[in-house]
C-alpha atoms as a PDB file:
ATOM      1  CA  UNK A   1      -9.123 -25.888  70.824  1.00  0.00           C
ATOM      2  CA  UNK A   2     -10.399 -24.051  67.615  1.00  0.00           C
ATOM      3  CA  UNK A   3     -12.814 -25.729  65.488  1.00  0.00           C
ATOM      4  CA  UNK A   4     -13.568 -26.329  61.646  1.00  0.00           C
ATOM      5  CA  UNK A   5     -16.562 -24.247  59.989  1.00  0.00           C
ATOM      6  CA  UNK A   6     -18.360 -23.960  57.009  1.00  0.00           C
ATOM      7  CA  UNK A   7     -17.106 -20.772  56.175  1.00  0.00           C
ATOM      8  CA  UNK A   8     -15.523 -18.885  53.397  1.00  0.00           C
ATOM      9  CA  UNK A   9     -11.852 -17.643  53.486  1.00  0.00           C
ATOM     10  CA  UNK A  10     -11.300 -14.602  55.106  1.00  0.00           C
ATOM     11  CA  UNK A  11     -11.533 -11.471  52.848  1.00  0.00           C
ATOM     12  CA  UNK A  12      -8.007  -9.908  52.359  1.00  0.00           C
ATOM     13  CA  UNK A  13      -7.843  -9.084  48.879  1.00  0.00           C
ATOM     14  CA  UNK A  14     -10.451 -11.586  47.060  1.00  0.00           C
ATOM     15  CA  UNK A  15     -12.406 -14.486  47.797  1.00  0.00           C
ATOM     16  CA  UNK A  16      -9.752 -17.102  49.133  1.00  0.00           C
ATOM     17  CA  UNK A  17     -11.836 -20.021  47.837  1.00  0.00           C
ATOM     18  CA  UNK A  18     -11.253 -18.828  44.042  1.00  0.00           C
ATOM     19  CA  UNK A  19      -7.602 -17.212  44.348  1.00  0.00           C
ATOM     20  CA  UNK A  20      -5.036 -19.407  42.381  1.00  0.00           C
ATOM     21  CA  UNK A  21      -7.514 -21.726  40.678  1.00  0.00           C
ATOM     22  CA  UNK A  22      -8.326 -19.190  37.599  1.00  0.00           C
ATOM     23  CA  UNK A  23      -5.384 -20.449  35.536  1.00  0.00           C
ATOM     24  CA  UNK A  24      -5.838 -24.063  36.195  1.00  0.00           C
ATOM     25  CA  UNK A  25      -9.627 -24.504  36.069  1.00  0.00           C
ATOM     26  CA  UNK A  26      -9.349 -25.284  31.965  1.00  0.00           C
ATOM     27  CA  UNK A  27      -6.869 -28.085  32.797  1.00  0.00           C
ATOM     28  CA  UNK A  28      -8.905 -29.595  35.588  1.00  0.00           C
ATOM     29  CA  UNK A  29     -12.121 -29.249  33.992  1.00  0.00           C
ATOM     30  CA  UNK A  30     -10.237 -31.117  31.005  1.00  0.00           C
ATOM     31  CA  UNK A  31      -8.599 -33.994  32.545  1.00  0.00           C
ATOM     32  CA  UNK A  32      -9.487 -34.244  36.392  1.00  0.00           C
ATOM     33  CA  UNK A  33      -7.256 -37.511  36.454  1.00  0.00           C
ATOM     34  CA  UNK A  34      -4.299 -35.012  36.972  1.00  0.00           C
ATOM     35  CA  UNK A  35      -5.590 -32.817  39.701  1.00  0.00           C
ATOM     36  CA  UNK A  36      -5.931 -32.652  43.224  1.00  0.00           C
ATOM     37  CA  UNK A  37      -6.090 -36.253  45.128  1.00  0.00           C
ATOM     38  CA  UNK A  38      -9.346 -36.709  46.388  1.00  0.00           C
ATOM     39  CA  UNK A  39      -8.384 -39.380  48.865  1.00  0.00           C
ATOM     40  CA  UNK A  40      -7.381 -40.903  51.381  1.00  0.00           C
ATOM     41  CA  UNK A  41      -4.338 -38.774  52.241  1.00  0.00           C
ATOM     42  CA  UNK A  42      -5.984 -37.980  55.554  1.00  0.00           C
ATOM     43  CA  UNK A  43      -5.793 -41.770  56.613  1.00  0.00           C
ATOM     44  CA  UNK A  44      -1.748 -40.851  57.407  1.00  0.00           C
ATOM     45  CA  UNK A  45      -1.698 -38.047  59.490  1.00  0.00           C
ATOM     46  CA  UNK A  46      -4.842 -36.463  59.193  1.00  0.00           C
ATOM     47  CA  UNK A  47      -6.193 -33.783  56.912  1.00  0.00           C
ATOM     48  CA  UNK A  48      -2.772 -31.794  57.491  1.00  0.00           C
ATOM     49  CA  UNK A  49      -1.328 -31.579  54.045  1.00  0.00           C
ATOM     50  CA  UNK A  50       1.592 -34.343  55.225  1.00  0.00           C
ATOM     51  CA  UNK A  51       1.466 -35.644  51.643  1.00  0.00           C
ATOM     52  CA  UNK A  52       2.332 -32.608  50.032  1.00  0.00           C
ATOM     53  CA  UNK A  53       5.925 -32.249  51.786  1.00  0.00           C
ATOM     54  CA  UNK A  54       8.805 -32.654  49.320  1.00  0.00           C
ATOM     55  CA  UNK A  55      12.099 -34.369  51.200  1.00  0.00           C
ATOM     56  CA  UNK A  56      15.578 -34.400  49.225  1.00  0.00           C
ATOM     57  CA  UNK A  57      16.159 -38.022  50.744  1.00  0.00           C
ATOM     58  CA  UNK A  58      13.019 -39.261  48.892  1.00  0.00           C
ATOM     59  CA  UNK A  59      11.517 -40.058  52.469  1.00  0.00           C
ATOM     60  CA  UNK A  60       8.577 -38.097  52.922  1.00  0.00           C
ATOM     61  CA  UNK A  61       4.613 -39.174  53.040  1.00  0.00           C
ATOM     62  CA  UNK A  62       4.167 -38.778  49.400  1.00  0.00           C
ATOM     63  CA  UNK A  63       7.114 -40.829  48.469  1.00  0.00           C
ATOM     64  CA  UNK A  64       5.859 -44.049  50.115  1.00  0.00           C
ATOM     65  CA  UNK A  65       5.053 -46.710  47.229  1.00  0.00           C
ATOM     66  CA  UNK A  66       1.489 -46.332  48.329  1.00  0.00           C
ATOM     67  CA  UNK A  67       1.813 -42.879  46.922  1.00  0.00           C
ATOM     68  CA  UNK A  68       2.873 -43.999  43.836  1.00  0.00           C
ATOM     69  CA  UNK A  69      -0.502 -43.176  41.805  1.00  0.00           C
ATOM     70  CA  UNK A  70      -0.576 -39.459  43.330  1.00  0.00           C
ATOM     71  CA  UNK A  71      -0.684 -36.790  40.437  1.00  0.00           C
ATOM     72  CA  UNK A  72       1.898 -34.644  40.851  1.00  0.00           C
ATOM     73  CA  UNK A  73       0.327 -32.254  38.537  1.00  0.00           C
ATOM     74  CA  UNK A  74      -2.923 -32.084  41.382  1.00  0.00           C
ATOM     75  CA  UNK A  75      -0.190 -30.816  43.876  1.00  0.00           C
ATOM     76  CA  UNK A  76       1.025 -28.229  41.552  1.00  0.00           C
ATOM     77  CA  UNK A  77      -2.032 -26.933  41.325  1.00  0.00           C
ATOM     78  CA  UNK A  78      -2.361 -26.421  45.538  1.00  0.00           C
ATOM     79  CA  UNK A  79       1.078 -25.005  45.447  1.00  0.00           C
ATOM     80  CA  UNK A  80      -0.176 -22.231  42.851  1.00  0.00           C
ATOM     81  CA  UNK A  81      -3.158 -21.750  44.720  1.00  0.00           C
ATOM     82  CA  UNK A  82      -0.797 -21.318  48.116  1.00  0.00           C
ATOM     83  CA  UNK A  83       1.363 -18.737  46.313  1.00  0.00           C
ATOM     84  CA  UNK A  84      -1.261 -16.625  45.082  1.00  0.00           C
ATOM     85  CA  UNK A  85      -3.151 -16.937  48.121  1.00  0.00           C
ATOM     86  CA  UNK A  86      -0.011 -16.288  50.419  1.00  0.00           C
ATOM     87  CA  UNK A  87       0.660 -13.235  48.020  1.00  0.00           C
ATOM     88  CA  UNK A  88      -2.841 -11.531  49.484  1.00  0.00           C
ATOM     89  CA  UNK A  89      -3.216 -13.338  52.652  1.00  0.00           C
ATOM     90  CA  UNK A  90       0.336 -14.126  54.155  1.00  0.00           C
ATOM     91  CA  UNK A  91       0.177 -16.581  57.091  1.00  0.00           C
ATOM     92  CA  UNK A  92      -3.756 -16.967  57.062  1.00  0.00           C
ATOM     93  CA  UNK A  93      -4.521 -19.846  54.699  1.00  0.00           C
ATOM     94  CA  UNK A  94      -3.116 -23.561  55.241  1.00  0.00           C
ATOM     95  CA  UNK A  95      -1.997 -25.885  52.776  1.00  0.00           C
ATOM     96  CA  UNK A  96      -4.454 -28.277  54.481  1.00  0.00           C
ATOM     97  CA  UNK A  97      -7.522 -25.967  53.210  1.00  0.00           C
ATOM     98  CA  UNK A  98      -6.012 -25.293  50.131  1.00  0.00           C
ATOM     99  CA  UNK A  99      -5.946 -29.118  49.352  1.00  0.00           C
ATOM    100  CA  UNK A 100      -9.253 -29.732  50.723  1.00  0.00           C
ATOM    101  CA  UNK A 101     -10.912 -26.696  48.461  1.00  0.00           C
ATOM    102  CA  UNK A 102      -8.886 -28.391  45.491  1.00  0.00           C
ATOM    103  CA  UNK A 103     -10.316 -31.770  45.736  1.00  0.00           C
ATOM    104  CA  UNK A 104     -14.040 -30.162  46.001  1.00  0.00           C
ATOM    105  CA  UNK A 105     -13.095 -28.098  43.043  1.00  0.00           C
ATOM    106  CA  UNK A 106     -12.202 -30.920  41.041  1.00  0.00           C
ATOM    107  CA  UNK A 107     -15.218 -33.078  41.702  1.00  0.00           C
ATOM    108  CA  UNK A 108     -17.420 -30.139  40.968  1.00  0.00           C
ATOM    109  CA  UNK A 109     -15.279 -29.031  37.830  1.00  0.00           C
ATOM    110  CA  UNK A 110     -15.512 -32.607  36.398  1.00  0.00           C
ATOM    111  CA  UNK A 111     -19.272 -32.795  36.727  1.00  0.00           C
ATOM    112  CA  UNK A 112     -19.719 -33.936  40.125  1.00  0.00           C
ATOM    113  CA  UNK A 113     -21.558 -32.048  43.189  1.00  0.00           C
ATOM    114  CA  UNK A 114     -20.151 -28.552  44.528  1.00  0.00           C
ATOM    115  CA  UNK A 115     -20.581 -28.274  48.326  1.00  0.00           C
ATOM    116  CA  UNK A 116     -19.077 -26.107  51.010  1.00  0.00           C
ATOM    117  CA  UNK A 117     -16.159 -27.335  52.918  1.00  0.00           C
ATOM    118  CA  UNK A 118     -15.204 -26.875  56.352  1.00  0.00           C
ATOM    119  CA  UNK A 119     -12.163 -24.640  57.164  1.00  0.00           C
ATOM    120  CA  UNK A 120      -9.730 -24.075  59.799  1.00  0.00           C
ATOM    121  CA  UNK A 121      -7.159 -26.985  59.554  1.00  0.00           C
ATOM    122  CA  UNK A 122      -3.389 -26.014  60.402  1.00  0.00           C
ATOM    123  CA  UNK A 123      -0.791 -27.891  58.746  1.00  0.00           C
ATOM    124  CA  UNK A 124       1.442 -30.961  60.459  1.00  0.00           C
ATOM    125  CA  UNK A 125       4.527 -31.347  61.332  1.00  0.00           C
ATOM    126  CA  UNK A 126       5.192 -34.614  60.266  1.00  0.00           C
ATOM    127  CA  UNK A 127       5.526 -36.275  56.678  1.00  0.00           C
ATOM    128  CA  UNK A 128       7.364 -39.690  56.578  1.00  0.00           C
ATOM    129  CA  UNK A 129       6.936 -42.362  54.385  1.00  0.00           C
ATOM    130  CA  UNK A 130       7.370 -45.174  57.136  1.00  0.00           C
ATOM    131  CA  UNK A 131       4.532 -44.155  58.413  1.00  0.00           C
ATOM    132  CA  UNK A 132       2.262 -44.887  55.346  1.00  0.00           C
ATOM    133  CA  UNK A 133       2.317 -48.922  55.299  1.00  0.00           C
ATOM    134  CA  UNK A 134      -0.787 -49.905  56.579  1.00  0.00           C
ATOM    135  CA  UNK A 135      -3.153 -46.663  56.849  1.00  0.00           C
ATOM    136  CA  UNK A 136      -4.280 -46.514  53.152  1.00  0.00           C
ATOM    137  CA  UNK A 137      -6.920 -48.922  51.709  1.00  0.00           C
ATOM    138  CA  UNK A 138      -5.162 -51.883  49.511  1.00  0.00           C
ATOM    139  CA  UNK A 139      -5.733 -52.517  45.957  1.00  0.00           C
ATOM    140  CA  UNK A 140      -6.855 -56.196  47.152  1.00  0.00           C
ATOM    141  CA  UNK A 141      -8.618 -55.407  50.459  1.00  0.00           C
ATOM    142  CA  UNK A 142     -11.957 -57.314  51.284  1.00  0.00           C
ATOM    143  CA  UNK A 143     -14.989 -55.828  52.167  1.00  0.00           C
ATOM    144  CA  UNK A 144     -13.897 -56.518  56.170  1.00  0.00           C
ATOM    145  CA  UNK A 145     -10.738 -55.228  55.401  1.00  0.00           C
ATOM    146  CA  UNK A 146     -12.013 -51.664  54.310  1.00  0.00           C
ATOM    147  CA  UNK A 147     -14.614 -51.302  56.590  1.00  0.00           C
ATOM    148  CA  UNK A 148     -11.849 -51.849  59.321  1.00  0.00           C
ATOM    149  CA  UNK A 149      -9.788 -49.083  57.671  1.00  0.00           C
ATOM    150  CA  UNK A 150     -12.300 -46.609  57.174  1.00  0.00           C
ATOM    151  CA  UNK A 151     -13.782 -47.097  61.034  1.00  0.00           C
ATOM    152  CA  UNK A 152     -10.669 -46.189  62.141  1.00  0.00           C
ATOM    153  CA  UNK A 153     -11.162 -43.100  60.545  1.00  0.00           C
ATOM    154  CA  UNK A 154     -14.357 -42.587  62.056  1.00  0.00           C
ATOM    155  CA  UNK A 155     -15.973 -43.596  58.630  1.00  0.00           C
ATOM    156  CA  UNK A 156     -18.988 -45.955  58.225  1.00  0.00           C
ATOM    157  CA  UNK A 157     -19.416 -48.646  55.355  1.00  0.00           C
ATOM    158  CA  UNK A 158     -21.877 -46.731  53.773  1.00  0.00           C
ATOM    159  CA  UNK A 159     -19.200 -43.532  53.707  1.00  0.00           C
ATOM    160  CA  UNK A 160     -16.826 -46.062  52.398  1.00  0.00           C
ATOM    161  CA  UNK A 161     -18.820 -47.283  49.425  1.00  0.00           C
ATOM    162  CA  UNK A 162     -19.956 -43.847  48.623  1.00  0.00           C
ATOM    163  CA  UNK A 163     -16.018 -42.415  49.009  1.00  0.00           C
ATOM    164  CA  UNK A 164     -15.293 -45.242  46.529  1.00  0.00           C
ATOM    165  CA  UNK A 165     -16.942 -43.396  43.999  1.00  0.00           C
ATOM    166  CA  UNK A 166     -13.704 -41.068  43.967  1.00  0.00           C
ATOM    167  CA  UNK A 167     -12.629 -43.793  41.362  1.00  0.00           C
ATOM    168  CA  UNK A 168     -14.976 -42.607  38.837  1.00  0.00           C
ATOM    169  CA  UNK A 169     -11.841 -40.168  37.966  1.00  0.00           C
ATOM    170  CA  UNK A 170      -8.371 -40.881  38.498  1.00  0.00           C
ATOM    171  CA  UNK A 171      -5.737 -43.485  37.218  1.00  0.00           C
ATOM    172  CA  UNK A 172      -3.794 -46.530  39.016  1.00  0.00           C
ATOM    173  CA  UNK A 173      -0.598 -47.702  38.230  1.00  0.00           C
ATOM    174  CA  UNK A 174      -0.344 -51.366  36.666  1.00  0.00           C
ATOM    175  CA  UNK A 175       1.400 -52.833  39.435  1.00  0.00           C
ATOM    176  CA  UNK A 176      -1.532 -52.038  41.757  1.00  0.00           C
ATOM    177  CA  UNK A 177      -3.880 -54.536  39.959  1.00  0.00           C
ATOM    178  CA  UNK A 178      -1.719 -56.720  37.713  1.00  0.00           C
ATOM    179  CA  UNK A 179      -2.137 -59.528  39.873  1.00  0.00           C
ATOM    180  CA  UNK A 180      -5.660 -60.158  39.010  1.00  0.00           C
ATOM    181  CA  UNK A 181      -4.502 -60.519  35.461  1.00  0.00           C
ATOM    182  CA  UNK A 182      -1.316 -62.779  35.788  1.00  0.00           C
ATOM    183  CA  UNK A 183      -1.246 -64.512  39.239  1.00  0.00           C
ATOM    184  CA  UNK A 184      -4.743 -64.481  40.753  1.00  0.00           C
ATOM    185  CA  UNK A 185      -4.621 -67.948  41.666  1.00  0.00           C
ATOM    186  CA  UNK A 186      -4.002 -71.886  41.356  1.00  0.00           C
ATOM    187  CA  UNK A 187      -7.366 -72.614  39.546  1.00  0.00           C
ATOM    188  CA  UNK A 188      -7.169 -69.397  37.143  1.00  0.00           C
ATOM    189  CA  UNK A 189      -4.522 -67.024  36.642  1.00  0.00           C
ATOM    190  CA  UNK A 190      -7.110 -64.132  35.667  1.00  0.00           C
ATOM    191  CA  UNK A 191      -9.730 -63.109  37.960  1.00  0.00           C
ATOM    192  CA  UNK A 192     -13.172 -64.425  37.342  1.00  0.00           C
ATOM    193  CA  UNK A 193     -14.318 -61.591  38.391  1.00  0.00           C
ATOM    194  CA  UNK A 194     -13.189 -59.495  35.913  1.00  0.00           C
ATOM    195  CA  UNK A 195     -15.242 -58.597  32.587  1.00  0.00           C
ATOM    196  CA  UNK A 196     -13.166 -60.986  29.955  1.00  0.00           C
ATOM    197  CA  UNK A 197     -13.441 -58.343  27.503  1.00  0.00           C
ATOM    198  CA  UNK A 198     -11.964 -55.684  29.909  1.00  0.00           C
ATOM    199  CA  UNK A 199      -9.299 -58.229  30.855  1.00  0.00           C
ATOM    200  CA  UNK A 200      -7.825 -58.362  27.591  1.00  0.00           C
ATOM    201  CA  UNK A 201      -8.113 -54.598  27.649  1.00  0.00           C
ATOM    202  CA  UNK A 202      -5.978 -54.401  30.769  1.00  0.00           C
ATOM    203  CA  UNK A 203      -3.373 -57.146  29.783  1.00  0.00           C
ATOM    204  CA  UNK A 204      -2.858 -54.776  26.219  1.00  0.00           C
ATOM    205  CA  UNK A 205      -2.183 -51.812  28.350  1.00  0.00           C
ATOM    206  CA  UNK A 206      -0.312 -53.581  31.182  1.00  0.00           C
ATOM    207  CA  UNK A 207       1.879 -56.667  29.943  1.00  0.00           C
ATOM    208  CA  UNK A 208       3.114 -59.264  32.761  1.00  0.00           C
ATOM    209  CA  UNK A 209       6.563 -57.423  32.053  1.00  0.00           C
ATOM    210  CA  UNK A 210       5.409 -53.679  32.152  1.00  0.00           C
ATOM    211  CA  UNK A 211       7.387 -50.796  33.170  1.00  0.00           C
ATOM    212  CA  UNK A 212       6.996 -49.274  36.837  1.00  0.00           C
ATOM    213  CA  UNK A 213       5.804 -46.009  34.932  1.00  0.00           C
ATOM    214  CA  UNK A 214       2.576 -47.022  33.279  1.00  0.00           C
ATOM    215  CA  UNK A 215      -1.028 -46.729  34.340  1.00  0.00           C
ATOM    216  CA  UNK A 216      -4.737 -47.142  33.286  1.00  0.00           C
ATOM    217  CA  UNK A 217      -7.718 -45.000  34.062  1.00  0.00           C
ATOM    218  CA  UNK A 218      -9.691 -46.095  37.087  1.00  0.00           C
ATOM    219  CA  UNK A 219     -13.030 -45.910  35.042  1.00  0.00           C
ATOM    220  CA  UNK A 220     -12.870 -47.471  31.565  1.00  0.00           C
ATOM    221  CA  UNK A 221     -16.029 -45.825  30.622  1.00  0.00           C
ATOM    222  CA  UNK A 222     -16.033 -42.321  31.292  1.00  0.00           C
ATOM    223  CA  UNK A 223     -12.479 -41.938  32.987  1.00  0.00           C
ATOM    224  CA  UNK A 224     -12.694 -37.717  33.270  1.00  0.00           C
ATOM    225  CA  UNK A 225     -16.501 -37.446  34.061  1.00  0.00           C
ATOM    226  CA  UNK A 226     -17.300 -37.646  37.743  1.00  0.00           C
ATOM    227  CA  UNK A 227     -20.449 -39.645  37.832  1.00  0.00           C
ATOM    228  CA  UNK A 228     -22.272 -42.736  39.298  1.00  0.00           C
ATOM    229  CA  UNK A 229     -20.687 -44.604  36.059  1.00  0.00           C
ATOM    230  CA  UNK A 230     -18.151 -46.124  38.528  1.00  0.00           C
ATOM    231  CA  UNK A 231     -20.869 -48.100  40.487  1.00  0.00           C
ATOM    232  CA  UNK A 232     -22.551 -49.542  36.999  1.00  0.00           C
ATOM    233  CA  UNK A 233     -18.836 -50.744  36.236  1.00  0.00           C
ATOM    234  CA  UNK A 234     -18.777 -52.858  39.307  1.00  0.00           C
ATOM    235  CA  UNK A 235     -21.854 -54.899  38.162  1.00  0.00           C
ATOM    236  CA  UNK A 236     -20.695 -55.573  34.906  1.00  0.00           C
ATOM    237  CA  UNK A 237     -16.872 -56.863  36.273  1.00  0.00           C
ATOM    238  CA  UNK A 238     -15.392 -53.385  35.409  1.00  0.00           C
ATOM    239  CA  UNK A 239     -13.770 -52.593  38.689  1.00  0.00           C
ATOM    240  CA  UNK A 240     -10.246 -52.078  38.425  1.00  0.00           C
ATOM    241  CA  UNK A 241      -9.024 -53.537  41.910  1.00  0.00           C
ATOM    242  CA  UNK A 242     -10.066 -56.010  43.783  1.00  0.00           C
ATOM    243  CA  UNK A 243     -11.249 -53.508  46.511  1.00  0.00           C
ATOM    244  CA  UNK A 244     -13.587 -52.224  43.608  1.00  0.00           C
ATOM    245  CA  UNK A 245     -15.327 -55.168  42.682  1.00  0.00           C
ATOM    246  CA  UNK A 246     -15.999 -56.303  46.265  1.00  0.00           C
ATOM    247  CA  UNK A 247     -18.216 -53.531  46.771  1.00  0.00           C
ATOM    248  CA  UNK A 248     -20.496 -55.379  44.134  1.00  0.00           C
ATOM    249  CA  UNK A 249     -19.792 -59.063  44.902  1.00  0.00           C
ATOM    250  CA  UNK A 250     -20.595 -58.766  48.798  1.00  0.00           C
ATOM    251  CA  UNK A 251     -23.970 -58.564  49.328  1.00  0.00           C
ATOM    252  CA  UNK A 252     -23.312 -56.276  52.514  1.00  0.00           C
ATOM    253  CA  UNK A 253     -22.342 -53.547  50.149  1.00  0.00           C
ATOM    254  CA  UNK A 254     -24.085 -54.479  46.887  1.00  0.00           C
ATOM    255  CA  UNK A 255     -27.500 -52.707  47.743  1.00  0.00           C
ATOM    256  CA  UNK A 256     -25.730 -49.327  48.201  1.00  0.00           C
ATOM    257  CA  UNK A 257     -23.617 -49.867  44.728  1.00  0.00           C
ATOM    258  CA  UNK A 258     -26.781 -51.016  42.786  1.00  0.00           C
ATOM    259  CA  UNK A 259     -28.729 -48.020  44.539  1.00  0.00           C
ATOM    260  CA  UNK A 260     -26.017 -45.784  43.260  1.00  0.00           C
ATOM    261  CA  UNK A 261     -25.537 -47.348  39.976  1.00  0.00           C
ATOM    262  CA  UNK A 262     -29.591 -46.121  39.472  1.00  0.00           C
ATOM    263  CA  UNK A 263     -29.942 -42.562  40.992  1.00  0.00           C
ATOM    264  CA  UNK A 264     -26.800 -40.030  40.134  1.00  0.00           C
ATOM    265  CA  UNK A 265     -28.312 -37.493  42.706  1.00  0.00           C
ATOM    266  CA  UNK A 266     -28.482 -39.828  45.633  1.00  0.00           C
ATOM    267  CA  UNK A 267     -24.624 -40.623  44.948  1.00  0.00           C
ATOM    268  CA  UNK A 268     -23.866 -37.004  44.807  1.00  0.00           C
ATOM    269  CA  UNK A 269     -25.487 -35.945  47.694  1.00  0.00           C
ATOM    270  CA  UNK A 270     -24.201 -38.544  49.842  1.00  0.00           C
ATOM    271  CA  UNK A 271     -20.184 -37.874  48.438  1.00  0.00           C
ATOM    272  CA  UNK A 272     -20.686 -34.480  49.448  1.00  0.00           C
ATOM    273  CA  UNK A 273     -21.361 -35.340  53.134  1.00  0.00           C
ATOM    274  CA  UNK A 274     -18.844 -38.261  52.965  1.00  0.00           C
ATOM    275  CA  UNK A 275     -16.338 -35.880  51.728  1.00  0.00           C
ATOM    276  CA  UNK A 276     -17.038 -33.495  54.579  1.00  0.00           C
ATOM    277  CA  UNK A 277     -16.948 -35.973  57.304  1.00  0.00           C
ATOM    278  CA  UNK A 278     -13.395 -37.179  55.429  1.00  0.00           C
ATOM    279  CA  UNK A 279     -11.915 -33.580  55.905  1.00  0.00           C
ATOM    280  CA  UNK A 280     -12.272 -33.817  60.006  1.00  0.00           C
ATOM    281  CA  UNK A 281     -10.220 -36.836  59.974  1.00  0.00           C
ATOM    282  CA  UNK A 282      -7.230 -35.838  62.345  1.00  0.00           C
ATOM    283  CA  UNK A 283      -7.250 -32.176  61.589  1.00  0.00           C
ATOM    284  CA  UNK A 284      -4.617 -29.940  63.118  1.00  0.00           C
ATOM    285  CA  UNK A 285      -6.330 -27.038  64.702  1.00  0.00           C
ATOM    286  CA  UNK A 286      -5.120 -24.264  67.544  1.00  0.00           C
ATOM    287  CA  UNK A 287      -1.633 -24.665  68.480  1.00  0.00           C
ATOM    288  CA  UNK A 288      -1.117 -28.093  66.757  1.00  0.00           C
ATOM    289  CA  UNK A 289       0.238 -27.281  63.698  1.00  0.00           C
ATOM    290  CA  UNK A 290       1.448 -24.461  61.438  1.00  0.00           C
ATOM    291  CA  UNK A 291       0.358 -22.595  58.472  1.00  0.00           C
ATOM    292  CA  UNK A 292       3.271 -23.168  56.003  1.00  0.00           C
ATOM    293  CA  UNK A 293       4.442 -20.528  53.449  1.00  0.00           C
ATOM    294  CA  UNK A 294       5.415 -23.380  51.275  1.00  0.00           C
ATOM    295  CA  UNK A 295       2.990 -26.110  50.852  1.00  0.00           C
ATOM    296  CA  UNK A 296       6.533 -28.500  50.266  1.00  0.00           C
ATOM    297  CA  UNK A 297       8.621 -27.516  52.935  1.00  0.00           C
ATOM    298  CA  UNK A 298       7.953 -27.137  57.136  1.00  0.00           C
ATOM    299  CA  UNK A 299       8.270 -23.385  58.201  1.00  0.00           C
END
């Protein structure tokens, strides 16, 4: 079986890592919330671009309710990059590799670390909404649930806390967290771990009868900058999801959260390593996949 390698793309008309990105870089630098999904699309079928398949029946992986918050603009960026690369290197570069590079680039372009990604993936042959349930971290997960899910993908507790830092950019639809604002429990309708001012801000953006398309920033302080503010936010009760805030509330994860909140360089170094590990999850190599001509359709 072929293995992933930390290499640049083969030269066949230019640097593959840069092909197709130039026209989109200003937009991604300006607002990374609408860029390539960072994670954890690999948890469903593996890092094989299954999440990019479009189905006329709306039954592909990206159509699953848990994937509602995936940014379509991010897919557009990958599709454009694939078209540009395909024109120079037909049948050589997989959509899975381009998606991995795009995830790295959006981190770097929004102020985060730049790092070498491993390449050599092939694109998967399965993409079904019915296979998503239970494979992605839920917004209400506690630390045990998060640790178990990441562990199934060969990622540690430390990796999970580190990769959660991707929530320093991006957005989430109100339906993912309004239970914390209106239906938390019998003693209090509002989750008491939410900063009261933040809760009021979220209620204004997401009233009880909010529509399904309304979304808010994951990071209310620096929403378009990849930094360590996410971790400081957790200490201040500014975690959007229960699964965010639990990282500070639980003593097993709190030391790492505090460490990253106080040292951005250590977070960046850890994030780069954990992203490379994430990129190895369930990859297809050799004859176990294909290199799609169009990222949205099987060959």
